[in-house]
């Protein structure tokens, strides 16, 4: 997940910065049929909003899914409860920044639409909210990365513990059974494969 997240962060941050710069070109351009930067900013903003909402949704889904998996593994293998508790804490820590980023993006997009349709009175509000969304998302990416790294370490430890327990249980069963009969339960009379 770490590599995928880094690719998503570079994509999302690049789109945010490019859209922010494009917004300055769009602001200086007058309305009218010959306008190029303004419609381009609107379209680019739509792509940026959808991409960033998708990135944050993927991160949230990752924490929800792996948190449920961690709880299930802890329950099945009777591992310490602190593991599932820590997985839940990781999700909560990231959740605040994920939802804050999504809200900042939504507000900036809404104020951008207002500035485009209702005139320059909303432009300063759009600029402020866009600057906040840019800064908050960049900070959020840093926090999400740190939490994902901690979460991956936790999940790796959980998997290692579960694998060791499973191997121990399998070894004990095999040693307790003595010679294990490896033939299938039902063998046909005319089977071409001879069994010892």
C-alpha atoms as a PDB file:
ATOM      1  CA  UNK A   1       0.000   0.000   0.000  1.00  0.00           C
ATOM      2  CA  UNK A   2       2.877   2.368   0.713  1.00  0.00           C
ATOM      3  CA  UNK A   3       4.083   2.490  -2.906  1.00  0.00           C
ATOM      4  CA  UNK A   4       0.563   2.880  -4.259  1.00  0.00           C
ATOM      5  CA  UNK A   5      -0.131   5.656  -1.796  1.00  0.00           C
ATOM      6  CA  UNK A   6       3.030   7.514  -2.814  1.00  0.00           C
ATOM      7  CA  UNK A   7       1.980   7.354  -6.473  1.00  0.00           C
ATOM      8  CA  UNK A   8      -1.471   8.663  -5.535  1.00  0.00           C
ATOM      9  CA  UNK A   9       0.048  11.449  -3.411  1.00  0.00           C
ATOM     10  CA  UNK A  10       2.331  12.638  -6.199  1.00  0.00           C
ATOM     11  CA  UNK A  11      -0.611  12.627  -8.604  1.00  0.00           C
ATOM     12  CA  UNK A  12      -2.968  14.397  -6.193  1.00  0.00           C
ATOM     13  CA  UNK A  13      -0.439  16.995  -5.056  1.00  0.00           C
ATOM     14  CA  UNK A  14       0.571  17.752  -8.653  1.00  0.00           C
ATOM     15  CA  UNK A  15      -3.046  18.245  -9.654  1.00  0.00           C
ATOM     16  CA  UNK A  16      -3.680  20.502  -6.658  1.00  0.00           C
ATOM     17  CA  UNK A  17      -0.693  22.739  -7.301  1.00  0.00           C
ATOM     18  CA  UNK A  18      -1.347  22.916 -11.064  1.00  0.00           C
ATOM     19  CA  UNK A  19      -5.010  23.745 -10.486  1.00  0.00           C
ATOM     20  CA  UNK A  20      -4.106  26.435  -7.954  1.00  0.00           C
ATOM     21  CA  UNK A  21      -1.714  28.093 -10.436  1.00  0.00           C
ATOM     22  CA  UNK A  22      -4.218  27.756 -13.266  1.00  0.00           C
ATOM     23  CA  UNK A  23      -6.764  29.532 -11.066  1.00  0.00           C
ATOM     24  CA  UNK A  24      -4.577  32.652 -11.016  1.00  0.00           C
ATOM     25  CA  UNK A  25      -4.512  32.733 -14.821  1.00  0.00           C
ATOM     26  CA  UNK A  26      -8.281  32.263 -14.886  1.00  0.00           C
ATOM     27  CA  UNK A  27      -8.821  35.146 -12.464  1.00  0.00           C
ATOM     28  CA  UNK A  28      -7.089  37.664 -14.709  1.00  0.00           C
ATOM     29  CA  UNK A  29      -9.046  36.632 -17.775  1.00  0.00           C
ATOM     30  CA  UNK A  30     -12.315  38.412 -18.596  1.00  0.00           C
ATOM     31  CA  UNK A  31     -15.555  36.480 -19.066  1.00  0.00           C
ATOM     32  CA  UNK A  32     -16.645  35.902 -22.615  1.00  0.00           C
ATOM     33  CA  UNK A  33     -16.582  33.591 -25.595  1.00  0.00           C
ATOM     34  CA  UNK A  34     -12.815  33.987 -26.126  1.00  0.00           C
ATOM     35  CA  UNK A  35     -11.916  32.925 -22.594  1.00  0.00           C
ATOM     36  CA  UNK A  36      -9.603  29.922 -22.444  1.00  0.00           C
ATOM     37  CA  UNK A  37      -8.099  29.808 -18.963  1.00  0.00           C
ATOM     38  CA  UNK A  38     -11.400  30.063 -17.084  1.00  0.00           C
ATOM     39  CA  UNK A  39     -13.147  27.039 -18.689  1.00  0.00           C
ATOM     40  CA  UNK A  40      -9.872  25.131 -18.509  1.00  0.00           C
ATOM     41  CA  UNK A  41      -9.629  25.879 -14.786  1.00  0.00           C
ATOM     42  CA  UNK A  42     -13.198  24.661 -14.277  1.00  0.00           C
ATOM     43  CA  UNK A  43     -12.556  21.377 -16.114  1.00  0.00           C
ATOM     44  CA  UNK A  44      -9.188  20.875 -14.455  1.00  0.00           C
ATOM     45  CA  UNK A  45     -10.791  21.553 -11.078  1.00  0.00           C
ATOM     46  CA  UNK A  46     -13.393  18.849 -11.703  1.00  0.00           C
ATOM     47  CA  UNK A  47     -10.647  16.337 -12.497  1.00  0.00           C
ATOM     48  CA  UNK A  48      -8.695  17.416  -9.411  1.00  0.00           C
ATOM     49  CA  UNK A  49     -11.702  17.185  -7.103  1.00  0.00           C
ATOM     50  CA  UNK A  50     -12.711  13.737  -8.336  1.00  0.00           C
ATOM     51  CA  UNK A  51      -9.112  12.470  -8.148  1.00  0.00           C
ATOM     52  CA  UNK A  52      -8.515  13.767  -4.622  1.00  0.00           C
ATOM     53  CA  UNK A  53     -11.827  12.480  -3.329  1.00  0.00           C
ATOM     54  CA  UNK A  54     -10.949   9.121  -4.871  1.00  0.00           C
ATOM     55  CA  UNK A  55      -7.499   9.072  -3.234  1.00  0.00           C
ATOM     56  CA  UNK A  56      -8.879   9.854   0.210  1.00  0.00           C
ATOM     57  CA  UNK A  57     -11.678   7.313  -0.259  1.00  0.00           C
ATOM     58  CA  UNK A  58      -9.173   4.602  -1.165  1.00  0.00           C
ATOM     59  CA  UNK A  59      -7.118   5.370   1.947  1.00  0.00           C
ATOM     60  CA  UNK A  60     -10.198   5.265   4.158  1.00  0.00           C
ATOM     61  CA  UNK A  61     -11.362   1.997   2.592  1.00  0.00           C
ATOM     62  CA  UNK A  62      -7.893   0.532   3.188  1.00  0.00           C
ATOM     63  CA  UNK A  63      -8.095   1.327   6.901  1.00  0.00           C
ATOM     64  CA  UNK A  64     -11.648   0.003   7.236  1.00  0.00           C
ATOM     65  CA  UNK A  65     -10.882  -3.260   5.421  1.00  0.00           C
ATOM     66  CA  UNK A  66      -7.572  -3.978   7.141  1.00  0.00           C
ATOM     67  CA  UNK A  67      -9.033  -3.035  10.515  1.00  0.00           C
ATOM     68  CA  UNK A  68     -11.791  -5.617  10.100  1.00  0.00           C
ATOM     69  CA  UNK A  69      -9.245  -8.176   8.928  1.00  0.00           C
ATOM     70  CA  UNK A  70      -7.066  -7.478  11.979  1.00  0.00           C
ATOM     71  CA  UNK A  71     -10.030  -7.936  14.348  1.00  0.00           C
ATOM     72  CA  UNK A  72     -10.932 -11.226  12.704  1.00  0.00           C
ATOM     73  CA  UNK A  73      -7.375 -12.587  12.830  1.00  0.00           C
ATOM     74  CA  UNK A  74      -7.005 -11.548  16.481  1.00  0.00           C
ATOM     75  CA  UNK A  75     -10.269 -13.302  17.303  1.00  0.00           C
ATOM     76  CA  UNK A  76      -9.534 -16.515  15.378  1.00  0.00           C
ATOM     77  CA  UNK A  77      -5.949 -16.940  16.591  1.00  0.00           C
ATOM     78  CA  UNK A  78      -6.683 -15.605  20.094  1.00  0.00           C
ATOM     79  CA  UNK A  79      -3.972 -12.970  19.863  1.00  0.00           C
ATOM     80  CA  UNK A  80      -3.672  -9.978  22.213  1.00  0.00           C
ATOM     81  CA  UNK A  81      -6.459  -7.405  21.883  1.00  0.00           C
ATOM     82  CA  UNK A  82      -4.005  -4.516  21.691  1.00  0.00           C
ATOM     83  CA  UNK A  83      -3.387  -5.386  18.042  1.00  0.00           C
ATOM     84  CA  UNK A  84      -6.971  -4.785  16.939  1.00  0.00           C
ATOM     85  CA  UNK A  85      -7.165  -1.771  19.256  1.00  0.00           C
ATOM     86  CA  UNK A  86      -4.105  -0.261  17.588  1.00  0.00           C
ATOM     87  CA  UNK A  87      -5.584  -0.924  14.137  1.00  0.00           C
ATOM     88  CA  UNK A  88      -8.696   0.989  15.210  1.00  0.00           C
ATOM     89  CA  UNK A  89      -6.554   3.858  16.553  1.00  0.00           C
ATOM     90  CA  UNK A  90      -4.689   4.058  13.260  1.00  0.00           C
ATOM     91  CA  UNK A  91      -7.990   4.287  11.380  1.00  0.00           C
ATOM     92  CA  UNK A  92      -9.278   7.027  13.674  1.00  0.00           C
ATOM     93  CA  UNK A  93      -6.057   9.014  13.399  1.00  0.00           C
ATOM     94  CA  UNK A  94      -6.217   8.958   9.607  1.00  0.00           C
ATOM     95  CA  UNK A  95     -10.002   9.472   9.505  1.00  0.00           C
ATOM     96  CA  UNK A  96      -9.787  13.021  10.857  1.00  0.00           C
ATOM     97  CA  UNK A  97      -7.406  14.110   8.133  1.00  0.00           C
ATOM     98  CA  UNK A  98      -9.208  12.209   5.385  1.00  0.00           C
ATOM     99  CA  UNK A  99     -12.562  13.798   6.170  1.00  0.00           C
ATOM    100  CA  UNK A 100     -11.007  17.231   6.744  1.00  0.00           C
ATOM    101  CA  UNK A 101      -9.298  17.060   3.356  1.00  0.00           C
ATOM    102  CA  UNK A 102     -12.495  16.023   1.620  1.00  0.00           C
ATOM    103  CA  UNK A 103     -14.429  18.832   3.295  1.00  0.00           C
ATOM    104  CA  UNK A 104     -11.772  21.432   2.369  1.00  0.00           C
ATOM    105  CA  UNK A 105     -11.853  20.278  -1.255  1.00  0.00           C
ATOM    106  CA  UNK A 106     -15.652  20.390  -1.356  1.00  0.00           C
ATOM    107  CA  UNK A 107     -15.802  23.911   0.113  1.00  0.00           C
ATOM    108  CA  UNK A 108     -13.162  25.203  -2.320  1.00  0.00           C
ATOM    109  CA  UNK A 109     -15.041  23.663  -5.249  1.00  0.00           C
ATOM    110  CA  UNK A 110     -18.362  25.087  -4.082  1.00  0.00           C
ATOM    111  CA  UNK A 111     -16.903  28.573  -3.640  1.00  0.00           C
ATOM    112  CA  UNK A 112     -15.211  28.242  -7.038  1.00  0.00           C
ATOM    113  CA  UNK A 113     -18.552  27.510  -8.638  1.00  0.00           C
ATOM    114  CA  UNK A 114     -20.020  30.504  -6.823  1.00  0.00           C
ATOM    115  CA  UNK A 115     -17.171  32.746  -8.020  1.00  0.00           C
ATOM    116  CA  UNK A 116     -17.662  31.543 -11.589  1.00  0.00           C
ATOM    117  CA  UNK A 117     -21.434  32.041 -11.676  1.00  0.00           C
ATOM    118  CA  UNK A 118     -22.039  34.902  -9.234  1.00  0.00           C
ATOM    119  CA  UNK A 119     -19.116  37.166  -9.958  1.00  0.00           C
ATOM    120  CA  UNK A 120     -15.916  38.417  -8.405  1.00  0.00           C
ATOM    121  CA  UNK A 121     -17.403  38.943  -4.926  1.00  0.00           C
ATOM    122  CA  UNK A 122     -16.788  35.261  -4.210  1.00  0.00           C
ATOM    123  CA  UNK A 123     -13.297  35.176  -5.776  1.00  0.00           C
ATOM    124  CA  UNK A 124     -11.459  36.131  -2.601  1.00  0.00           C
ATOM    125  CA  UNK A 125     -13.363  33.460  -0.655  1.00  0.00           C
ATOM    126  CA  UNK A 126     -12.554  30.918  -3.325  1.00  0.00           C
ATOM    127  CA  UNK A 127      -8.878  31.880  -3.272  1.00  0.00           C
ATOM    128  CA  UNK A 128      -8.716  31.564   0.515  1.00  0.00           C
ATOM    129  CA  UNK A 129     -10.492  28.234   0.578  1.00  0.00           C
ATOM    130  CA  UNK A 130      -8.365  26.917  -2.298  1.00  0.00           C
ATOM    131  CA  UNK A 131      -5.159  27.925  -0.483  1.00  0.00           C
ATOM    132  CA  UNK A 132      -6.447  26.247   2.684  1.00  0.00           C
ATOM    133  CA  UNK A 133      -7.443  23.099   0.763  1.00  0.00           C
ATOM    134  CA  UNK A 134      -4.014  22.961  -0.853  1.00  0.00           C
ATOM    135  CA  UNK A 135      -2.136  23.351   2.435  1.00  0.00           C
ATOM    136  CA  UNK A 136      -4.442  21.038   4.371  1.00  0.00           C
ATOM    137  CA  UNK A 137      -4.262  18.289   1.760  1.00  0.00           C
ATOM    138  CA  UNK A 138      -0.472  18.432   1.580  1.00  0.00           C
ATOM    139  CA  UNK A 139      -0.293  18.187   5.375  1.00  0.00           C
ATOM    140  CA  UNK A 140      -2.908  15.459   5.346  1.00  0.00           C
ATOM    141  CA  UNK A 141      -0.871  13.435   2.866  1.00  0.00           C
ATOM    142  CA  UNK A 142       2.102  13.560   5.247  1.00  0.00           C
ATOM    143  CA  UNK A 143       0.003  12.399   8.210  1.00  0.00           C
ATOM    144  CA  UNK A 144      -1.743   9.692   6.181  1.00  0.00           C
ATOM    145  CA  UNK A 145       1.631   8.404   4.979  1.00  0.00           C
ATOM    146  CA  UNK A 146       2.954   8.172   8.552  1.00  0.00           C
ATOM    147  CA  UNK A 147      -0.175   6.348   9.714  1.00  0.00           C
ATOM    148  CA  UNK A 148      -0.085   3.963   6.733  1.00  0.00           C
ATOM    149  CA  UNK A 149       3.557   3.086   7.490  1.00  0.00           C
ATOM    150  CA  UNK A 150       2.679   2.373  11.143  1.00  0.00           C
ATOM    151  CA  UNK A 151      -0.367   0.372  10.063  1.00  0.00           C
ATOM    152  CA  UNK A 152       1.628  -1.728   7.587  1.00  0.00           C
ATOM    153  CA  UNK A 153       4.131  -2.563  10.359  1.00  0.00           C
ATOM    154  CA  UNK A 154       1.267  -3.581  12.639  1.00  0.00           C
ATOM    155  CA  UNK A 155      -0.328  -5.766   9.974  1.00  0.00           C
ATOM    156  CA  UNK A 156       3.018  -7.382   9.162  1.00  0.00           C
ATOM    157  CA  UNK A 157       3.516  -8.261  12.824  1.00  0.00           C
ATOM    158  CA  UNK A 158      -0.031  -9.616  13.020  1.00  0.00           C
ATOM    159  CA  UNK A 159       0.467 -11.766   9.931  1.00  0.00           C
ATOM    160  CA  UNK A 160       3.788 -13.107  11.245  1.00  0.00           C
ATOM    161  CA  UNK A 161       2.192 -14.075  14.568  1.00  0.00           C
ATOM    162  CA  UNK A 162      -0.737 -15.754  12.842  1.00  0.00           C
ATOM    163  CA  UNK A 163       1.581 -17.639  10.477  1.00  0.00           C
ATOM    164  CA  UNK A 164       3.701 -18.898  13.387  1.00  0.00           C
ATOM    165  CA  UNK A 165       0.624 -20.071  15.295  1.00  0.00           C
ATOM    166  CA  UNK A 166      -0.794 -21.783  12.235  1.00  0.00           C
ATOM    167  CA  UNK A 167       2.530 -23.519  11.578  1.00  0.00           C
ATOM    168  CA  UNK A 168       2.783 -24.649  15.205  1.00  0.00           C
ATOM    169  CA  UNK A 169      -0.747 -26.034  15.159  1.00  0.00           C
ATOM    170  CA  UNK A 170      -0.182 -27.841  11.868  1.00  0.00           C
ATOM    171  CA  UNK A 171       3.112 -29.324  13.121  1.00  0.00           C
ATOM    172  CA  UNK A 172       1.512 -30.503  16.378  1.00  0.00           C
ATOM    173  CA  UNK A 173      -1.391 -32.157  14.539  1.00  0.00           C
ATOM    174  CA  UNK A 174       0.943 -33.864  12.119  1.00  0.00           C
ATOM    175  CA  UNK A 175       3.237 -35.111  14.907  1.00  0.00           C
ATOM    176  CA  UNK A 176       0.275 -36.301  16.987  1.00  0.00           C
ATOM    177  CA  UNK A 177      -1.286 -38.203  14.126  1.00  0.00           C
ATOM    178  CA  UNK A 178       1.863 -40.189  13.457  1.00  0.00           C
ATOM    179  CA  UNK A 179       1.819 -41.547   9.941  1.00  0.00           C
ATOM    180  CA  UNK A 180      -0.650 -39.444   8.024  1.00  0.00           C
ATOM    181  CA  UNK A 181      -2.776 -41.185   5.385  1.00  0.00           C
ATOM    182  CA  UNK A 182      -2.415 -38.959   2.341  1.00  0.00           C
ATOM    183  CA  UNK A 183      -4.840 -40.869   0.077  1.00  0.00           C
ATOM    184  CA  UNK A 184      -8.089 -39.230  -0.948  1.00  0.00           C
ATOM    185  CA  UNK A 185     -11.124 -40.232   1.079  1.00  0.00           C
ATOM    186  CA  UNK A 186     -12.859 -41.936  -1.839  1.00  0.00           C
ATOM    187  CA  UNK A 187     -10.706 -43.859  -4.309  1.00  0.00           C
ATOM    188  CA  UNK A 188     -12.306 -45.350  -7.384  1.00  0.00           C
ATOM    189  CA  UNK A 189     -11.663 -49.050  -8.093  1.00  0.00           C
ATOM    190  CA  UNK A 190     -10.399 -48.453 -11.608  1.00  0.00           C
ATOM    191  CA  UNK A 191      -8.200 -45.528 -10.680  1.00  0.00           C
ATOM    192  CA  UNK A 192      -5.138 -45.326 -12.944  1.00  0.00           C
ATOM    193  CA  UNK A 193      -2.980 -43.883 -10.148  1.00  0.00           C
ATOM    194  CA  UNK A 194      -1.679 -46.599  -7.789  1.00  0.00           C
ATOM    195  CA  UNK A 195      -1.519 -45.757  -4.108  1.00  0.00           C
ATOM    196  CA  UNK A 196       1.048 -47.366  -1.798  1.00  0.00           C
END
